[in-house]
Amino acid sequence: MTADAKTVPAAKKPGEDVAKSNAKAPYPFRLGWAVALLALNLLVAAYYFHIIE
């Protein structure tokens, strides 16, 4: 370990500044995409297993 590594402060945690900015996380957007992709996946599976034609 070098002398610089001992004296330089550790890097901030990723996303630490975002957590302090009171920004709202885009969870509704992510949830919408997750539900849409799940529905599409189930539709393709139903077609594959001949549940729908």
PDB file of N, CA and C in Angstrom:
ATOM      1  N   MET A   1       0.853  -1.174   0.000  1.00  0.00           N
ATOM      2  CA  MET A   1       0.000   0.000   0.000  1.00  0.00           C
ATOM      3  C   MET A   1       0.894   1.232   0.000  1.00  0.00           C
ATOM      4  N   THR A   2       0.556   2.198  -0.821  1.00  0.00           N
ATOM      5  CA  THR A   2       1.372   3.402  -0.912  1.00  0.00           C
ATOM      6  C   THR A   2       0.982   4.402   0.170  1.00  0.00           C
ATOM      7  N   ALA A   3       1.826   5.389   0.346  1.00  0.00           N
ATOM      8  CA  ALA A   3       1.553   6.414   1.353  1.00  0.00           C
ATOM      9  C   ALA A   3       0.328   7.236   0.967  1.00  0.00           C
ATOM     10  N   ASP A   4       0.125   7.454  -0.335  1.00  0.00           N
ATOM     11  CA  ASP A   4      -1.052   8.211  -0.783  1.00  0.00           C
ATOM     12  C   ASP A   4      -2.342   7.476  -0.456  1.00  0.00           C
ATOM     13  N   ALA A   5      -2.336   6.165  -0.596  1.00  0.00           N
ATOM     14  CA  ALA A   5      -3.543   5.390  -0.324  1.00  0.00           C
ATOM     15  C   ALA A   5      -3.925   5.456   1.146  1.00  0.00           C
ATOM     16  N   LYS A   6      -2.959   5.674   2.004  1.00  0.00           N
ATOM     17  CA  LYS A   6      -3.246   5.750   3.440  1.00  0.00           C
ATOM     18  C   LYS A   6      -3.814   7.102   3.839  1.00  0.00           C
ATOM     19  N   THR A   7      -3.500   8.149   3.082  1.00  0.00           N
ATOM     20  CA  THR A   7      -3.917   9.493   3.467  1.00  0.00           C
ATOM     21  C   THR A   7      -5.141  10.003   2.715  1.00  0.00           C
ATOM     22  N   VAL A   8      -5.420   9.451   1.553  1.00  0.00           N
ATOM     23  CA  VAL A   8      -6.555   9.913   0.747  1.00  0.00           C
ATOM     24  C   VAL A   8      -7.834   9.327   1.345  1.00  0.00           C
ATOM     25  N   PRO A   9      -8.884  10.148   1.549  1.00  0.00           N
ATOM     26  CA  PRO A   9     -10.136   9.615   2.103  1.00  0.00           C
ATOM     27  C   PRO A   9     -10.793   8.637   1.132  1.00  0.00           C
ATOM     28  N   ALA A  10     -11.570   7.746   1.674  1.00  0.00           N
ATOM     29  CA  ALA A  10     -12.253   6.749   0.853  1.00  0.00           C
ATOM     30  C   ALA A  10     -13.270   7.427  -0.058  1.00  0.00           C
ATOM     31  N   ALA A  11     -13.517   6.807  -1.189  1.00  0.00           N
ATOM     32  CA  ALA A  11     -14.482   7.354  -2.144  1.00  0.00           C
ATOM     33  C   ALA A  11     -15.886   7.285  -1.556  1.00  0.00           C
ATOM     34  N   LYS A  12     -16.717   8.216  -1.983  1.00  0.00           N
ATOM     35  CA  LYS A  12     -18.105   8.219  -1.526  1.00  0.00           C
ATOM     36  C   LYS A  12     -18.827   6.992  -2.066  1.00  0.00           C
ATOM     37  N   LYS A  13     -19.854   6.582  -1.378  1.00  0.00           N
ATOM     38  CA  LYS A  13     -20.646   5.439  -1.827  1.00  0.00           C
ATOM     39  C   LYS A  13     -21.412   5.826  -3.087  1.00  0.00           C
ATOM     40  N   PRO A  14     -21.570   4.898  -4.019  1.00  0.00           N
ATOM     41  CA  PRO A  14     -22.347   5.208  -5.223  1.00  0.00           C
ATOM     42  C   PRO A  14     -23.784   5.571  -4.868  1.00  0.00           C
ATOM     43  N   GLY A  15     -24.268   6.651  -5.429  1.00  0.00           N
ATOM     44  CA  GLY A  15     -25.639   7.070  -5.193  1.00  0.00           C
ATOM     45  C   GLY A  15     -25.859   7.816  -3.892  1.00  0.00           C
ATOM     46  N   GLU A  16     -24.797   8.112  -3.158  1.00  0.00           N
ATOM     47  CA  GLU A  16     -24.960   8.791  -1.867  1.00  0.00           C
ATOM     48  C   GLU A  16     -25.535  10.191  -2.044  1.00  0.00           C
ATOM     49  N   ASP A  17     -25.076  10.904  -3.072  1.00  0.00           N
ATOM     50  CA  ASP A  17     -25.586  12.250  -3.305  1.00  0.00           C
ATOM     51  C   ASP A  17     -27.040  12.229  -3.768  1.00  0.00           C
ATOM     52  N   VAL A  18     -27.458  11.181  -4.455  1.00  0.00           N
ATOM     53  CA  VAL A  18     -28.845  11.074  -4.904  1.00  0.00           C
ATOM     54  C   VAL A  18     -29.763  10.873  -3.698  1.00  0.00           C
ATOM     55  N   ALA A  19     -29.305  10.075  -2.744  1.00  0.00           N
ATOM     56  CA  ALA A  19     -30.135   9.815  -1.568  1.00  0.00           C
ATOM     57  C   ALA A  19     -30.354  11.084  -0.747  1.00  0.00           C
ATOM     58  N   LYS A  20     -29.405  11.982  -0.754  1.00  0.00           N
ATOM     59  CA  LYS A  20     -29.523  13.213   0.023  1.00  0.00           C
ATOM     60  C   LYS A  20     -30.297  14.301  -0.710  1.00  0.00           C
ATOM     61  N   SER A  21     -30.541  14.129  -2.005  1.00  0.00           N
ATOM     62  CA  SER A  21     -31.199  15.181  -2.783  1.00  0.00           C
ATOM     63  C   SER A  21     -32.715  15.100  -2.711  1.00  0.00           C
ATOM     64  N   ASN A  22     -33.259  14.109  -1.993  1.00  0.00           N
ATOM     65  CA  ASN A  22     -34.701  13.898  -1.889  1.00  0.00           C
ATOM     66  C   ASN A  22     -35.359  13.673  -3.247  1.00  0.00           C
ATOM     67  N   ALA A  23     -34.583  13.155  -4.203  1.00  0.00           N
ATOM     68  CA  ALA A  23     -35.146  12.842  -5.512  1.00  0.00           C
ATOM     69  C   ALA A  23     -36.000  11.587  -5.402  1.00  0.00           C
ATOM     70  N   LYS A  24     -37.128  11.581  -6.097  1.00  0.00           N
ATOM     71  CA  LYS A  24     -38.020  10.432  -6.048  1.00  0.00           C
ATOM     72  C   LYS A  24     -37.523   9.376  -7.037  1.00  0.00           C
ATOM     73  N   ALA A  25     -37.373   8.154  -6.568  1.00  0.00           N
ATOM     74  CA  ALA A  25     -36.915   7.066  -7.432  1.00  0.00           C
ATOM     75  C   ALA A  25     -38.017   6.700  -8.425  1.00  0.00           C
ATOM     76  N   PRO A  26     -37.636   6.319  -9.636  1.00  0.00           N
ATOM     77  CA  PRO A  26     -38.643   6.027 -10.664  1.00  0.00           C
ATOM     78  C   PRO A  26     -39.226   4.625 -10.548  1.00  0.00           C
ATOM     79  N   TYR A  27     -39.659   4.230  -9.355  1.00  0.00           N
ATOM     80  CA  TYR A  27     -40.197   2.886  -9.177  1.00  0.00           C
ATOM     81  C   TYR A  27     -41.487   2.643  -9.950  1.00  0.00           C
ATOM     82  N   PRO A  28     -42.412   3.583 -10.070  1.00  0.00           N
ATOM     83  CA  PRO A  28     -43.610   3.306 -10.875  1.00  0.00           C
ATOM     84  C   PRO A  28     -43.262   3.001 -12.338  1.00  0.00           C
ATOM     85  N   PHE A  29     -42.277   3.678 -12.871  1.00  0.00           N
ATOM     86  CA  PHE A  29     -41.854   3.430 -14.252  1.00  0.00           C
ATOM     87  C   PHE A  29     -41.273   2.030 -14.374  1.00  0.00           C
ATOM     88  N   ARG A  30     -40.414   1.660 -13.440  1.00  0.00           N
ATOM     89  CA  ARG A  30     -39.818   0.322 -13.470  1.00  0.00           C
ATOM     90  C   ARG A  30     -40.884  -0.756 -13.285  1.00  0.00           C
ATOM     91  N   LEU A  31     -41.813  -0.508 -12.386  1.00  0.00           N
ATOM     92  CA  LEU A  31     -42.877  -1.479 -12.135  1.00  0.00           C
ATOM     93  C   LEU A  31     -43.738  -1.656 -13.378  1.00  0.00           C
ATOM     94  N   GLY A  32     -44.024  -0.576 -14.051  1.00  0.00           N
ATOM     95  CA  GLY A  32     -44.827  -0.661 -15.278  1.00  0.00           C
ATOM     96  C   GLY A  32     -44.153  -1.519 -16.335  1.00  0.00           C
ATOM     97  N   TRP A  33     -42.870  -1.306 -16.531  1.00  0.00           N
ATOM     98  CA  TRP A  33     -42.133  -2.114 -17.498  1.00  0.00           C
ATOM     99  C   TRP A  33     -42.063  -3.570 -17.059  1.00  0.00           C
ATOM    100  N   ALA A  34     -41.866  -3.814 -15.771  1.00  0.00           N
ATOM    101  CA  ALA A  34     -41.787  -5.197 -15.277  1.00  0.00           C
ATOM    102  C   ALA A  34     -43.101  -5.926 -15.495  1.00  0.00           C
ATOM    103  N   VAL A  35     -44.210  -5.274 -15.219  1.00  0.00           N
ATOM    104  CA  VAL A  35     -45.523  -5.896 -15.408  1.00  0.00           C
ATOM    105  C   VAL A  35     -45.797  -6.127 -16.893  1.00  0.00           C
ATOM    106  N   ALA A  36     -45.436  -5.187 -17.728  1.00  0.00           N
ATOM    107  CA  ALA A  36     -45.643  -5.342 -19.167  1.00  0.00           C
ATOM    108  C   ALA A  36     -44.819  -6.506 -19.718  1.00  0.00           C
ATOM    109  N   LEU A  37     -43.575  -6.613 -19.304  1.00  0.00           N
ATOM    110  CA  LEU A  37     -42.730  -7.701 -19.782  1.00  0.00           C
ATOM    111  C   LEU A  37     -43.206  -9.052 -19.249  1.00  0.00           C
ATOM    112  N   LEU A  38     -43.676  -9.084 -18.016  1.00  0.00           N
ATOM    113  CA  LEU A  38     -44.215 -10.322 -17.455  1.00  0.00           C
ATOM    114  C   LEU A  38     -45.464 -10.756 -18.218  1.00  0.00           C
ATOM    115  N   ALA A  39     -46.344  -9.820 -18.537  1.00  0.00           N
ATOM    116  CA  ALA A  39     -47.551 -10.145 -19.288  1.00  0.00           C
ATOM    117  C   ALA A  39     -47.197 -10.675 -20.684  1.00  0.00           C
ATOM    118  N   LEU A  40     -46.235 -10.054 -21.325  1.00  0.00           N
ATOM    119  CA  LEU A  40     -45.799 -10.514 -22.637  1.00  0.00           C
ATOM    120  C   LEU A  40     -45.184 -11.910 -22.540  1.00  0.00           C
ATOM    121  N   ASN A  41     -44.404 -12.147 -21.509  1.00  0.00           N
ATOM    122  CA  ASN A  41     -43.796 -13.454 -21.302  1.00  0.00           C
ATOM    123  C   ASN A  41     -44.868 -14.529 -21.104  1.00  0.00           C
ATOM    124  N   LEU A  42     -45.883 -14.241 -20.303  1.00  0.00           N
ATOM    125  CA  LEU A  42     -46.960 -15.199 -20.073  1.00  0.00           C
ATOM    126  C   LEU A  42     -47.760 -15.441 -21.348  1.00  0.00           C
ATOM    127  N   LEU A  43     -47.954 -14.415 -22.151  1.00  0.00           N
ATOM    128  CA  LEU A  43     -48.658 -14.567 -23.419  1.00  0.00           C
ATOM    129  C   LEU A  43     -47.891 -15.476 -24.376  1.00  0.00           C
ATOM    130  N   VAL A  44     -46.586 -15.288 -24.464  1.00  0.00           N
ATOM    131  CA  VAL A  44     -45.758 -16.133 -25.321  1.00  0.00           C
ATOM    132  C   VAL A  44     -45.749 -17.567 -24.800  1.00  0.00           C
ATOM    133  N   ALA A  45     -45.679 -17.756 -23.478  1.00  0.00           N
ATOM    134  CA  ALA A  45     -45.704 -19.105 -22.897  1.00  0.00           C
ATOM    135  C   ALA A  45     -47.035 -19.787 -23.174  1.00  0.00           C
ATOM    136  N   ALA A  46     -48.132 -19.064 -23.070  1.00  0.00           N
ATOM    137  CA  ALA A  46     -49.450 -19.645 -23.349  1.00  0.00           C
ATOM    138  C   ALA A  46     -49.555 -20.052 -24.813  1.00  0.00           C
ATOM    139  N   TYR A  47     -49.013 -19.258 -25.699  1.00  0.00           N
ATOM    140  CA  TYR A  47     -49.014 -19.609 -27.117  1.00  0.00           C
ATOM    141  C   TYR A  47     -48.137 -20.834 -27.364  1.00  0.00           C
ATOM    142  N   TYR A  48     -46.989 -20.900 -26.702  1.00  0.00           N
ATOM    143  CA  TYR A  48     -46.048 -22.004 -26.879  1.00  0.00           C
ATOM    144  C   TYR A  48     -46.659 -23.326 -26.411  1.00  0.00           C
ATOM    145  N   PHE A  49     -47.375 -23.302 -25.318  1.00  0.00           N
ATOM    146  CA  PHE A  49     -47.981 -24.522 -24.768  1.00  0.00           C
ATOM    147  C   PHE A  49     -49.390 -24.774 -25.324  1.00  0.00           C
ATOM    148  N   HIS A  50     -49.768 -24.063 -26.387  1.00  0.00           N
ATOM    149  CA  HIS A  50     -51.026 -24.237 -27.096  1.00  0.00           C
ATOM    150  C   HIS A  50     -52.239 -24.013 -26.193  1.00  0.00           C
ATOM    151  N   ILE A  51     -52.087 -23.147 -25.207  1.00  0.00           N
ATOM    152  CA  ILE A  51     -53.242 -22.757 -24.390  1.00  0.00           C
ATOM    153  C   ILE A  51     -54.101 -21.784 -25.194  1.00  0.00           C
ATOM    154  N   ILE A  52     -53.428 -20.945 -25.978  1.00  0.00           N
ATOM    155  CA  ILE A  52     -54.114 -20.069 -26.931  1.00  0.00           C
ATOM    156  C   ILE A  52     -53.582 -20.388 -28.322  1.00  0.00           C
ATOM    157  N   GLU A  53     -54.376 -20.132 -29.293  1.00  0.00           N
ATOM    158  CA  GLU A  53     -53.959 -20.409 -30.682  1.00  0.00           C
ATOM    159  C   GLU A  53     -53.754 -19.122 -31.430  1.00  0.00           C
TER     160      GLU A  53
END
